[in-house]
Amino acid sequence: MTDVLVVGAGPVGLSAAAELLRHRVRCRVIDRLAAPLPYAKAVGIQPRTLEIWDRMGLARAALEAAAELRGQLIYVNGEERARIELALPPEVPYGFAALPQYETERLLDAYVTGLGTTVERGTELLSFTQDQDGVTARLRTAAGAEEEARVGYLLGCDGAHSIVRKQLGLTFEGGAFPEEYMLADVEADWDLPYGYGVRSSHLTGDGATDDLLVCIPLPGTGHRYRMSMLVPPELSAEAAGPGIDRARGNGVAHGLEGGRAPELSHIQAVVDRLAPTPATLSRMRWASVFRISHRIVDRYGDGRVFVAGDAAHIHPPTGAQGMNTGIQDACNLAWKLALVARGEAGPALLATYDAERRPVGEEVVGRTVRHATQGMENDPADPRTVMLREAQLLVGYRGGPLARSTYGPADAPQPGDRAPDCTGLTTPIAAYPSRLLDVLRGRTEHVLLLYAADPAQLAAAAVGGGVVREADGGQAAEGHWQTIAILAREAPPTGLDVLAVAGCQDAEGEFARLYRPDGPTGFVIRPDGQLGARFPLAATAAALSDYFAALSAPE
């Protein structure tokens, strides 16, 4: 029996499959479309997503295919009102990037294929039932035959009109924007600075927006952009009449619509009115009309069936939050499903997926609606917070069911927070410093970091992994985690073979600066890159016992 059936081979479904396969979980991936769509729909790649891809070993390929996003130029009624620089603290390893969705899917598809699983194109989920032991799914294959598949779990990554969400009986409360938009992939011959997006609007006397142009730079030669703008009257739904090809799905109008493809002249007319500098458009690869809704499910799963990405939450594309949020959904769920499917954690662990991710979805939906209606430049938070939040580096689960205790300074990274990257980790053999991401790359288990200035303390805590076996009472597999010791900057790097035990020295003091250990300290980093636990080194065995007990029986 297949462990997990993933429905939908977009970025979220492929990310879920990639993580499940990395965690040694058998899965099938199906998609009702015969081939991927060639549209640059979701294009923004957040720094947090690149960190996740780094752990997978996919970041390098993404960087080679992507374009740098440096900032945004904001114009109102023909005047420049703001210039937003996408600047992050120097310890953040990646910046903002633009990558067309079809390229993201190509990279993830190749990655999944390399792990031994091929997307079953043209295969549609018709219905499913679940019981205590698994899920029975009824499928229609590309050949038109019906098939019954028995799987352990089902994951719906099948978009805004998700059949999984509907059949699971989840509500999808929210609303829709009355405006209709055009979307196009074109080149512009203007001389605006490289890597900057453009948001140009026209406001009426009462402050309402009656004309809008948003341009996001794309990879490739020339000045290529994904442009969005309001639909002109002649392409509106009212003008199209009753024969319009509406978006599918239970009254949810969201995403691309067929039957009303704009022509280059429609896009050029908006650019002529709103572009900050004259430009002639050319090489239009595709164009469409699309609608925007803002909705979220009442729960992210029921029993053995879950939803992620647009199947769980939809909202305006402002700030490129949607796809990236969905990828983090997939990453959060995959390692938990893997532990449960392998019998290394109790089924109650799966309840933490909704507990951790639905509050994130609610916050993203609310924020993107505010930014779409009021402008990101009017966010009341300080600029640094706004930038870190947009980069999705502030996503965390403090107070959640797996973040059971705190230790050390209150403003230091605590359980539930993103585990910061840092530079300057050295070993006796390598002649160059490494980042923490370099140490974590490719690992699928929890990572136990032990930090101290006294090599003897590290050796006592890390020797042979015995503390781990003592802590879990022999209930969990040894593949549950990996132990890495980090010797403080001021400590002598030789003398007790500590570096051979687990191997790094905080040569530049960056780990201490960012993690702020309170004396000898232990940290557990979860497989999704969030901090799982933080504790005094002397209490390592008890702290591990408490944390891994939470995986089996979360509160």
Protein backbone atom coordinates (compact mmCIF):
# COMPACT_ATOMS: atom_id res chain seq x y z
CA MET A 1 0.00 0.00 0.00
CA THR A 2 1.24 3.48 -0.88
CA ASP A 3 1.84 5.61 2.20
CA VAL A 4 0.56 8.91 0.79
CA LEU A 5 -1.41 9.95 -2.30
CA VAL A 6 -0.64 13.55 -3.27
CA VAL A 7 -3.36 15.13 -5.41
CA GLY A 8 -2.02 18.01 -7.50
CA ALA A 9 1.43 18.45 -9.07
CA GLY A 10 1.85 22.18 -8.67
CA PRO A 11 4.63 23.67 -6.52
CA VAL A 12 2.90 22.65 -3.28
CA GLY A 13 2.12 19.07 -4.25
CA LEU A 14 5.58 18.54 -5.71
CA SER A 15 7.16 20.03 -2.58
CA ALA A 16 5.14 17.66 -0.42
CA ALA A 17 6.18 14.69 -2.56
CA ALA A 18 9.84 15.77 -2.49
CA GLU A 19 9.88 16.00 1.29
CA LEU A 20 7.99 12.73 1.76
CA LEU A 21 10.38 10.88 -0.54
CA ARG A 22 13.40 12.42 1.22
CA HIS A 23 11.94 11.06 4.46
CA ARG A 24 11.68 7.56 2.97
CA VAL A 25 7.90 7.59 2.57
CA ARG A 26 6.30 5.97 -0.48
CA CYS A 27 3.94 8.30 -2.32
CA ARG A 28 2.03 8.69 -5.57
CA VAL A 29 1.54 12.07 -7.22
CA ILE A 30 -1.40 12.58 -9.58
CA ASP A 31 -2.57 15.59 -11.56
CA ARG A 32 -5.66 15.87 -13.72
CA LEU A 33 -3.82 18.00 -16.33
CA ALA A 34 -2.08 16.17 -19.14
CA ALA A 35 0.88 18.57 -18.98
CA PRO A 36 2.07 21.44 -16.76
CA LEU A 37 0.66 24.86 -17.59
CA PRO A 38 3.17 27.24 -19.25
CA TYR A 39 2.11 30.27 -17.21
CA ALA A 40 4.20 32.55 -14.99
CA LYS A 41 1.48 32.69 -12.32
CA ALA A 42 3.27 32.66 -8.96
CA VAL A 43 6.71 34.19 -9.55
CA GLY A 44 8.09 35.43 -6.21
CA ILE A 45 10.43 33.10 -4.31
CA GLN A 46 10.90 34.14 -0.68
CA PRO A 47 14.22 33.78 1.19
CA ARG A 48 12.63 31.23 3.55
CA THR A 49 11.65 29.04 0.60
CA LEU A 50 15.25 29.14 -0.64
CA GLU A 51 16.39 28.00 2.82
CA ILE A 52 14.01 25.05 2.59
CA TRP A 53 15.30 24.25 -0.89
CA ASP A 54 18.86 24.51 0.40
CA ARG A 55 18.13 21.80 2.96
CA MET A 56 16.80 19.67 0.09
CA GLY A 57 19.81 20.41 -2.10
CA LEU A 58 17.67 22.28 -4.65
CA ALA A 59 18.68 25.90 -3.97
CA ARG A 60 21.58 26.02 -6.43
CA ALA A 61 19.43 24.95 -9.37
CA ALA A 62 16.79 27.52 -8.41
CA LEU A 63 19.34 30.33 -8.18
CA GLU A 64 20.68 29.51 -11.63
CA ALA A 65 17.18 29.77 -13.12
CA ALA A 66 15.87 32.78 -11.15
CA ALA A 67 16.20 36.55 -11.41
CA GLU A 68 17.11 38.82 -8.52
CA LEU A 69 14.38 40.96 -6.97
CA ARG A 70 15.96 44.10 -5.55
CA GLY A 71 12.98 46.30 -4.74
CA GLN A 72 9.83 48.02 -5.90
CA LEU A 73 9.17 51.47 -7.35
CA ILE A 74 5.78 52.92 -6.36
CA TYR A 75 4.08 55.63 -8.41
CA VAL A 76 0.77 57.38 -7.73
CA ASN A 77 -0.79 59.65 -10.34
CA GLY A 78 2.49 59.78 -12.25
CA GLU A 79 4.73 60.72 -9.31
CA GLU A 80 7.17 58.47 -7.49
CA ARG A 81 5.87 58.01 -3.94
CA ALA A 82 8.16 55.33 -2.54
CA ARG A 83 11.13 53.16 -3.35
CA ILE A 84 11.17 49.92 -1.36
CA GLU A 85 14.54 48.20 -1.10
CA LEU A 86 14.35 44.47 -0.44
CA ALA A 87 17.19 44.52 2.10
CA LEU A 88 17.68 41.83 4.74
CA PRO A 89 20.16 41.42 7.64
CA PRO A 90 23.56 40.11 6.50
CA GLU A 91 23.13 36.78 8.32
CA VAL A 92 20.17 35.84 6.08
CA PRO A 93 21.70 33.61 3.39
CA TYR A 94 19.33 34.35 0.52
CA GLY A 95 17.57 37.37 -0.95
CA PHE A 96 14.33 37.66 -2.88
CA ALA A 97 14.03 35.99 -6.28
CA ALA A 98 11.67 35.77 -9.25
CA LEU A 99 11.05 32.44 -10.94
CA PRO A 100 8.07 31.66 -13.21
CA GLN A 101 5.82 29.01 -11.75
CA TYR A 102 6.41 26.66 -14.66
CA GLU A 103 10.15 26.79 -13.89
CA THR A 104 9.53 26.09 -10.21
CA GLU A 105 7.42 23.09 -11.21
CA ARG A 106 10.08 21.90 -13.66
CA LEU A 107 12.79 21.95 -10.98
CA LEU A 108 10.63 20.21 -8.39
CA ASP A 109 9.38 17.65 -10.91
CA ALA A 110 12.95 16.77 -11.86
CA TYR A 111 13.85 16.48 -8.17
CA VAL A 112 10.92 14.14 -7.46
CA THR A 113 11.74 12.08 -10.54
CA GLY A 114 15.32 11.78 -9.30
CA LEU A 115 13.95 10.27 -6.09
CA GLY A 116 12.14 7.59 -8.07
CA THR A 117 8.58 8.92 -8.44
CA THR A 118 6.95 10.11 -11.67
CA VAL A 119 3.92 12.39 -11.71
CA GLU A 120 0.90 10.53 -13.11
CA ARG A 121 -0.41 13.12 -15.56
CA GLY A 122 -4.01 13.07 -16.75
CA THR A 123 -5.08 11.16 -13.65
CA GLU A 124 -8.00 12.64 -11.72
CA LEU A 125 -9.32 12.01 -8.23
CA LEU A 126 -13.04 11.24 -8.47
CA SER A 127 -13.86 10.49 -4.82
CA PHE A 128 -12.47 8.99 -1.65
CA THR A 129 -13.52 7.40 1.61
CA GLN A 130 -11.46 6.89 4.74
CA ASP A 131 -11.52 4.52 7.68
CA GLN A 132 -9.37 3.83 10.71
CA ASP A 133 -6.67 2.09 8.67
CA GLY A 134 -6.42 4.14 5.51
CA VAL A 135 -8.01 5.95 2.57
CA THR A 136 -9.63 4.42 -0.50
CA ALA A 137 -9.42 6.73 -3.52
CA ARG A 138 -11.28 6.31 -6.79
CA LEU A 139 -9.23 7.60 -9.73
CA ARG A 140 -9.70 8.06 -13.47
CA THR A 141 -6.45 7.49 -15.36
CA ALA A 142 -5.20 9.20 -18.49
CA ALA A 143 -6.49 6.22 -20.49
CA GLY A 144 -10.01 6.78 -19.14
CA ALA A 145 -10.04 3.71 -16.92
CA GLU A 146 -11.22 3.89 -13.33
CA GLU A 147 -8.93 2.66 -10.58
CA GLU A 148 -9.34 2.10 -6.87
CA ALA A 149 -6.23 2.96 -4.86
CA ARG A 150 -5.68 2.13 -1.21
CA VAL A 151 -3.32 4.55 0.60
CA GLY A 152 -2.41 5.40 4.14
CA TYR A 153 -3.02 9.15 3.82
CA LEU A 154 -4.30 11.59 1.21
CA LEU A 155 -2.98 15.13 0.71
CA GLY A 156 -5.01 17.60 -1.34
CA CYS A 157 -2.77 20.12 -3.10
CA ASP A 158 -5.31 20.56 -5.88
CA GLY A 159 -5.78 24.31 -5.83
CA ALA A 160 -8.51 26.82 -5.17
CA HIS A 161 -11.23 24.55 -6.56
CA SER A 162 -10.01 21.52 -4.62
CA ILE A 163 -12.11 18.38 -4.89
CA VAL A 164 -10.36 17.08 -1.76
CA ARG A 165 -11.51 20.09 0.25
CA LYS A 166 -15.08 19.80 -1.01
CA GLN A 167 -15.41 16.07 -0.40
CA LEU A 168 -13.85 16.41 3.02
CA GLY A 169 -16.61 18.88 3.89
CA LEU A 170 -14.33 21.74 4.89
CA THR A 171 -15.76 25.24 4.86
CA PHE A 172 -13.98 27.91 2.80
CA GLU A 173 -15.11 31.18 4.30
CA GLY A 174 -14.11 34.58 2.99
CA GLY A 175 -14.97 36.87 0.13
CA ALA A 176 -13.95 38.03 -3.33
CA PHE A 177 -12.62 41.23 -4.82
CA PRO A 178 -15.15 42.79 -7.20
CA GLU A 179 -12.39 43.87 -9.59
CA GLU A 180 -11.23 41.72 -12.47
CA TYR A 181 -7.61 41.73 -13.57
CA MET A 182 -5.50 40.96 -16.62
CA LEU A 183 -2.24 39.08 -16.35
CA ALA A 184 0.42 38.99 -19.07
CA ASP A 185 4.00 37.86 -19.64
CA VAL A 186 5.66 40.49 -21.87
CA GLU A 187 8.86 42.41 -22.55
CA ALA A 188 9.15 46.20 -22.16
CA ASP A 189 11.87 48.35 -23.73
CA TRP A 190 12.03 50.88 -20.89
CA ASP A 191 15.19 51.78 -18.97
CA LEU A 192 13.98 51.20 -15.40
CA PRO A 193 16.63 49.78 -13.04
CA TYR A 194 17.25 46.05 -13.18
CA GLY A 195 15.57 43.90 -10.55
CA TYR A 196 12.92 46.41 -9.49
CA GLY A 197 9.21 45.83 -9.71
CA VAL A 198 6.78 48.63 -10.49
CA ARG A 199 3.45 49.49 -8.89
CA SER A 200 1.77 52.45 -10.58
CA SER A 201 -1.77 53.52 -9.74
CA HIS A 202 -4.19 56.32 -10.44
CA LEU A 203 -6.31 57.60 -7.58
CA THR A 204 -9.55 59.51 -7.89
CA GLY A 205 -10.31 62.60 -5.84
CA ASP A 206 -11.77 60.50 -3.03
CA GLY A 207 -8.69 58.24 -2.87
CA ALA A 208 -10.11 55.24 -4.76
CA THR A 209 -7.89 53.34 -7.21
CA ASP A 210 -9.43 53.36 -10.67
CA ASP A 211 -6.35 52.30 -12.67
CA LEU A 212 -3.47 50.01 -11.71
CA LEU A 213 -0.30 48.50 -13.19
CA VAL A 214 1.93 46.02 -11.33
CA CYS A 215 5.10 44.69 -13.01
CA ILE A 216 7.35 41.95 -11.60
CA PRO A 217 10.67 41.28 -13.37
CA LEU A 218 11.25 37.80 -14.72
CA PRO A 219 14.38 35.88 -15.74
CA GLY A 220 15.52 36.07 -19.32
CA THR A 221 17.09 38.43 -21.80
CA GLY A 222 15.52 41.83 -22.22
CA HIS A 223 13.22 43.52 -19.77
CA ARG A 224 10.72 40.72 -19.24
CA TYR A 225 7.88 41.20 -16.75
CA ARG A 226 4.75 39.58 -15.48
CA MET A 227 2.29 42.48 -15.61
CA SER A 228 -1.11 42.71 -13.96
CA MET A 229 -3.75 45.42 -14.32
CA LEU A 230 -7.48 46.06 -14.15
CA VAL A 231 -9.63 44.59 -16.91
CA PRO A 232 -10.99 47.14 -19.43
CA PRO A 233 -14.77 47.31 -19.88
CA GLU A 234 -14.74 45.42 -23.17
CA LEU A 235 -13.20 42.35 -21.47
CA SER A 236 -15.32 42.44 -18.32
CA ALA A 237 -17.59 39.58 -17.31
CA GLU A 238 -20.63 41.75 -18.01
CA ALA A 239 -19.47 42.43 -21.55
CA ALA A 240 -18.65 38.75 -22.13
CA GLY A 241 -22.21 37.73 -21.33
CA PRO A 242 -23.57 34.41 -20.06
CA GLY A 243 -21.28 32.27 -22.20
CA ILE A 244 -18.17 33.23 -20.24
CA ASP A 245 -15.92 30.39 -19.08
CA ARG A 246 -16.12 30.95 -15.34
CA ALA A 247 -13.56 29.56 -12.89
CA ARG A 248 -14.63 26.12 -11.75
CA GLY A 249 -15.72 25.23 -8.30
CA ASN A 250 -18.61 25.82 -5.94
CA GLY A 251 -18.88 29.55 -6.45
CA VAL A 252 -15.19 30.25 -5.73
CA ALA A 253 -13.99 32.66 -8.42
CA HIS A 254 -10.19 32.65 -8.07
CA GLY A 255 -7.36 32.30 -10.54
CA LEU A 256 -7.10 32.31 -14.32
CA GLU A 257 -10.22 32.23 -16.48
CA GLY A 258 -10.54 31.01 -20.04
CA GLY A 259 -12.41 32.60 -22.91
CA ARG A 260 -11.29 36.23 -22.44
CA ALA A 261 -7.59 36.34 -23.26
CA PRO A 262 -6.38 39.95 -23.58
CA GLU A 263 -4.40 41.02 -26.61
CA LEU A 264 -1.10 42.88 -26.52
CA SER A 265 -2.95 46.10 -27.35
CA HIS A 266 -4.96 45.83 -24.10
CA ILE A 267 -1.75 45.57 -22.07
CA GLN A 268 -0.03 48.33 -24.06
CA ALA A 269 -2.92 50.72 -23.42
CA VAL A 270 -2.49 50.41 -19.64
CA VAL A 271 1.29 50.83 -19.91
CA ASP A 272 0.76 53.96 -22.01
CA ARG A 273 -1.40 55.43 -19.24
CA LEU A 274 0.54 54.37 -16.15
CA ALA A 275 4.16 53.43 -16.92
CA PRO A 276 6.64 55.80 -15.23
CA THR A 277 8.56 56.02 -18.49
CA PRO A 278 7.41 55.39 -22.09
CA ALA A 279 7.67 51.78 -23.16
CA THR A 280 6.76 49.59 -26.10
CA LEU A 281 5.70 46.05 -25.25
CA SER A 282 6.58 42.99 -27.31
CA ARG A 283 6.94 39.20 -27.19
CA MET A 284 3.78 38.49 -25.21
CA ARG A 285 4.06 34.83 -24.22
CA TRP A 286 0.55 34.53 -22.76
CA ALA A 287 -2.21 36.59 -21.20
CA SER A 288 -5.35 35.88 -19.22
CA VAL A 289 -8.07 37.37 -17.06
CA PHE A 290 -8.07 36.39 -13.42
CA ARG A 291 -10.14 36.89 -10.29
CA ILE A 292 -9.07 37.19 -6.65
CA SER A 293 -10.76 35.72 -3.59
CA HIS A 294 -9.63 35.60 0.03
CA ARG A 295 -10.68 32.47 1.85
CA ILE A 296 -9.41 29.91 4.36
CA VAL A 297 -10.65 26.50 5.48
CA ASP A 298 -12.02 25.86 8.96
CA ARG A 299 -9.41 23.12 9.47
CA TYR A 300 -6.44 21.81 7.51
CA GLY A 301 -7.42 18.17 7.66
CA ASP A 302 -9.75 15.52 8.98
CA GLY A 303 -8.60 12.04 9.93
CA ARG A 304 -6.16 10.78 7.33
CA VAL A 305 -6.89 13.49 4.74
CA PHE A 306 -5.25 16.94 4.62
CA VAL A 307 -5.19 20.05 2.44
CA ALA A 308 -2.33 22.45 1.71
CA GLY A 309 -1.63 25.52 -0.41
CA ASP A 310 -4.50 27.04 -2.39
CA ALA A 311 -6.74 24.16 -1.38
CA ALA A 312 -6.50 25.55 2.17
CA HIS A 313 -6.07 29.31 1.71
CA ILE A 314 -6.36 31.80 -1.15
CA HIS A 315 -5.71 35.53 -1.11
CA PRO A 316 -4.35 38.43 -3.19
CA PRO A 317 -0.92 37.85 -4.76
CA THR A 318 0.46 40.93 -2.98
CA GLY A 319 3.96 40.24 -1.66
CA ALA A 320 4.17 36.79 -3.31
CA GLN A 321 2.98 35.01 -0.17
CA GLY A 322 0.65 32.31 -1.50
CA MET A 323 2.86 29.70 -3.16
CA ASN A 324 5.58 30.16 -0.55
CA THR A 325 3.08 29.68 2.27
CA GLY A 326 1.85 26.52 0.57
CA ILE A 327 5.40 25.16 0.26
CA GLN A 328 5.85 25.69 4.00
CA ASP A 329 2.51 23.89 4.58
CA ALA A 330 3.90 20.92 2.67
CA CYS A 331 7.21 20.97 4.52
CA ASN A 332 5.50 21.17 7.92
CA LEU A 333 3.20 18.24 7.21
CA ALA A 334 5.66 15.97 5.38
CA TRP A 335 8.08 15.28 8.23
CA LYS A 336 5.19 14.62 10.61
CA LEU A 337 3.50 12.26 8.17
CA ALA A 338 6.83 10.49 7.71
CA LEU A 339 7.32 9.87 11.42
CA VAL A 340 3.77 8.56 11.80
CA ALA A 341 3.88 6.46 8.62
CA ARG A 342 7.14 4.86 9.78
CA GLY A 343 5.67 4.17 13.23
CA GLU A 344 8.15 6.48 14.99
CA ALA A 345 5.53 8.90 16.35
CA GLY A 346 1.91 8.69 17.38
CA PRO A 347 -0.96 9.69 15.05
CA ALA A 348 -1.78 12.62 17.35
CA LEU A 349 1.30 14.37 15.94
CA LEU A 350 -0.67 15.04 12.75
CA ALA A 351 -3.05 17.32 14.67
CA THR A 352 -0.17 19.77 15.10
CA TYR A 353 -0.26 20.48 11.34
CA ASP A 354 -3.53 22.38 11.69
CA ALA A 355 -2.50 23.87 15.05
CA GLU A 356 0.70 25.31 13.58
CA ARG A 357 -0.20 26.16 10.00
CA ARG A 358 -3.78 27.46 10.09
CA PRO A 359 -2.87 30.52 12.23
CA VAL A 360 -0.15 31.27 9.68
CA GLY A 361 -2.67 31.02 6.84
CA GLU A 362 -5.10 33.31 8.66
CA GLU A 363 -2.39 35.92 9.19
CA VAL A 364 -1.27 35.77 5.54
CA VAL A 365 -4.82 36.10 4.20
CA GLY A 366 -5.52 39.11 6.42
CA ARG A 367 -2.22 40.84 5.67
CA THR A 368 -2.35 40.39 1.90
CA VAL A 369 -5.89 41.76 1.79
CA ARG A 370 -4.73 44.83 3.74
CA HIS A 371 -1.71 45.30 1.49
CA ALA A 372 -3.80 44.89 -1.65
CA THR A 373 -6.30 47.53 -0.55
CA GLN A 374 -4.04 49.95 1.36
CA GLY A 375 -0.57 49.35 -0.13
CA MET A 376 2.39 47.63 1.51
CA GLU A 377 4.08 51.00 1.94
CA ASN A 378 1.34 51.93 4.43
CA ASP A 379 1.95 48.96 6.72
CA PRO A 380 2.20 50.33 10.30
CA ALA A 381 5.01 47.95 11.29
CA ASP A 382 8.60 49.18 11.18
CA PRO A 383 10.36 48.59 7.82
CA ARG A 384 12.68 45.87 9.17
CA THR A 385 9.74 43.86 10.53
CA VAL A 386 7.81 44.31 7.29
CA MET A 387 10.73 43.01 5.24
CA LEU A 388 11.43 39.99 7.50
CA ARG A 389 7.73 39.13 7.53
CA GLU A 390 7.43 39.37 3.74
CA ALA A 391 10.52 37.13 3.47
CA GLN A 392 8.61 34.65 5.68
CA LEU A 393 11.49 34.59 8.15
CA LEU A 394 9.19 35.45 11.07
CA VAL A 395 6.86 32.48 10.60
CA GLY A 396 6.86 30.61 13.88
CA TYR A 397 4.89 28.41 16.23
CA ARG A 398 5.64 29.78 19.69
CA GLY A 399 3.00 28.61 22.12
CA GLY A 400 2.06 25.73 19.82
CA PRO A 401 1.72 22.09 20.86
CA LEU A 402 5.35 21.25 20.02
CA ALA A 403 6.88 24.36 21.63
CA ARG A 404 6.44 23.25 25.20
CA SER A 405 9.06 25.27 27.09
CA THR A 406 11.40 28.25 26.85
CA TYR A 407 14.92 28.78 28.14
CA GLY A 408 17.38 31.64 28.04
CA PRO A 409 16.75 35.28 27.06
CA ALA A 410 13.18 36.02 26.03
CA ASP A 411 14.33 37.78 22.84
CA ALA A 412 16.56 34.86 21.82
CA PRO A 413 15.29 32.23 19.34
CA GLN A 414 12.81 30.07 21.22
CA PRO A 415 11.01 26.79 20.42
CA GLY A 416 8.71 27.34 17.47
CA ASP A 417 10.85 30.07 15.88
CA ARG A 418 12.82 29.71 12.65
CA ALA A 419 16.30 28.37 13.45
CA PRO A 420 18.61 31.16 12.20
CA ASP A 421 21.41 30.45 9.80
CA CYS A 422 24.89 31.64 10.75
CA THR A 423 28.36 31.81 9.23
CA GLY A 424 31.84 31.08 10.51
CA LEU A 425 31.62 27.43 11.58
CA THR A 426 35.02 25.78 11.13
CA THR A 427 36.56 22.32 11.45
CA PRO A 428 40.23 21.32 11.75
CA ILE A 429 40.31 19.86 8.24
CA ALA A 430 38.38 22.29 6.03
CA ALA A 431 40.31 25.43 5.16
CA TYR A 432 37.15 27.50 4.77
CA PRO A 433 34.29 28.44 7.12
CA SER A 434 30.82 26.95 6.67
CA ARG A 435 27.28 28.16 7.25
CA LEU A 436 24.92 26.28 9.53
CA LEU A 437 22.87 25.56 6.39
CA ASP A 438 25.89 23.72 5.00
CA VAL A 439 25.91 21.51 8.09
CA LEU A 440 22.16 20.83 7.86
CA ARG A 441 21.96 20.28 4.09
CA GLY A 442 20.56 16.90 3.09
CA ARG A 443 19.53 15.91 6.61
CA THR A 444 15.98 14.68 7.16
CA GLU A 445 16.11 13.94 10.86
CA HIS A 446 15.97 16.25 13.85
CA VAL A 447 19.36 17.82 14.54
CA LEU A 448 20.63 18.19 18.10
CA LEU A 449 23.07 21.11 18.48
CA LEU A 450 25.20 21.10 21.64
CA TYR A 451 26.99 24.36 22.43
CA ALA A 452 29.60 24.99 25.14
CA ALA A 453 32.94 26.66 25.79
CA ASP A 454 34.24 23.66 27.72
CA PRO A 455 35.13 20.76 25.38
CA ALA A 456 34.63 18.29 28.20
CA GLN A 457 30.97 19.26 28.52
CA LEU A 458 30.39 18.69 24.83
CA ALA A 459 32.15 15.35 24.90
CA ALA A 460 30.09 14.19 27.88
CA ALA A 461 26.82 15.15 26.21
CA ALA A 462 27.59 13.92 22.69
CA VAL A 463 29.64 10.75 23.22
CA GLY A 464 28.36 7.92 21.12
CA GLY A 465 24.84 9.31 20.92
CA GLY A 466 24.18 7.46 24.17
CA VAL A 467 22.30 10.40 25.64
CA VAL A 468 19.78 10.07 22.85
CA ARG A 469 19.11 6.40 23.49
CA GLU A 470 18.82 7.06 27.21
CA ALA A 471 16.41 9.93 26.63
CA ASP A 472 13.92 8.13 24.43
CA GLY A 473 13.97 4.88 26.38
CA GLY A 474 14.66 2.97 23.19
CA GLN A 475 11.23 3.77 21.73
CA ALA A 476 12.37 5.82 18.73
CA ALA A 477 14.59 4.74 15.88
CA GLU A 478 18.19 5.93 15.90
CA GLY A 479 17.50 7.74 12.62
CA HIS A 480 15.29 10.15 14.56
CA TRP A 481 18.07 12.75 14.90
CA GLN A 482 21.70 13.70 14.33
CA THR A 483 23.99 15.20 16.98
CA ILE A 484 26.34 18.11 16.20
CA ALA A 485 28.55 19.77 18.80
CA ILE A 486 29.59 23.42 18.41
CA LEU A 487 32.60 24.62 20.37
CA ALA A 488 32.48 28.24 21.49
CA ARG A 489 34.74 30.77 19.82
CA GLU A 490 36.82 31.42 22.91
CA ALA A 491 37.45 27.74 23.68
CA PRO A 492 40.67 25.95 22.65
CA PRO A 493 39.90 23.94 19.50
CA THR A 494 42.17 21.02 20.35
CA GLY A 495 42.92 18.67 23.21
CA LEU A 496 39.90 16.44 23.78
CA ASP A 497 38.91 15.30 20.28
CA VAL A 498 35.62 17.16 20.67
CA LEU A 499 35.67 18.33 17.08
CA ALA A 500 35.89 14.71 16.01
CA VAL A 501 32.78 13.95 18.07
CA ALA A 502 30.58 16.28 16.10
CA GLY A 503 32.63 18.81 14.64
CA CYS A 504 32.41 22.59 14.53
CA GLN A 505 33.85 25.60 16.25
CA ASP A 506 32.01 28.92 16.34
CA ALA A 507 35.13 30.63 15.05
CA GLU A 508 33.52 34.01 14.35
CA GLY A 509 31.09 34.00 17.27
CA GLU A 510 28.11 34.20 14.93
CA PHE A 511 26.29 31.21 16.39
CA ALA A 512 26.56 32.70 19.87
CA ARG A 513 25.40 36.12 18.62
CA LEU A 514 22.33 34.80 16.86
CA TYR A 515 21.27 31.94 19.16
CA ARG A 516 22.34 33.67 22.41
CA PRO A 517 23.05 30.51 24.41
CA ASP A 518 22.76 30.96 28.18
CA GLY A 519 25.91 29.06 29.09
CA PRO A 520 26.22 25.48 27.83
CA THR A 521 23.02 25.02 25.83
CA GLY A 522 21.34 22.41 23.68
CA PHE A 523 19.05 23.07 20.71
CA VAL A 524 16.81 20.76 18.69
CA ILE A 525 16.22 21.82 15.08
CA ARG A 526 13.19 20.22 13.47
CA PRO A 527 13.29 18.74 9.95
CA ASP A 528 11.43 21.82 8.66
CA GLY A 529 14.12 24.17 10.00
CA GLN A 530 12.16 25.44 13.01
CA LEU A 531 13.59 25.33 16.53
CA GLY A 532 12.02 22.44 18.42
CA ALA A 533 13.61 22.78 21.85
CA ARG A 534 16.16 24.82 23.80
CA PHE A 535 17.58 23.70 27.14
CA PRO A 536 20.61 23.79 29.46
CA LEU A 537 23.20 21.25 28.37
CA ALA A 538 23.11 19.53 31.74
CA ALA A 539 19.44 18.71 31.14
CA THR A 540 19.91 17.27 27.65
CA ALA A 541 18.51 13.81 28.40
CA ALA A 542 15.41 15.11 30.17
CA ALA A 543 14.78 17.80 27.55
CA LEU A 544 15.02 15.31 24.67
CA SER A 545 12.73 12.93 26.49
CA ASP A 546 10.17 15.71 26.92
CA TYR A 547 10.41 16.89 23.31
CA PHE A 548 10.13 13.48 21.71
CA ALA A 549 7.30 12.57 24.05
CA ALA A 550 5.50 15.58 22.58
CA LEU A 551 5.83 14.03 19.12
CA SER A 552 3.98 10.95 20.28
CA ALA A 553 1.34 12.63 22.44
CA PRO A 554 1.13 16.38 21.74
CA GLU A 555 -1.11 18.39 24.02
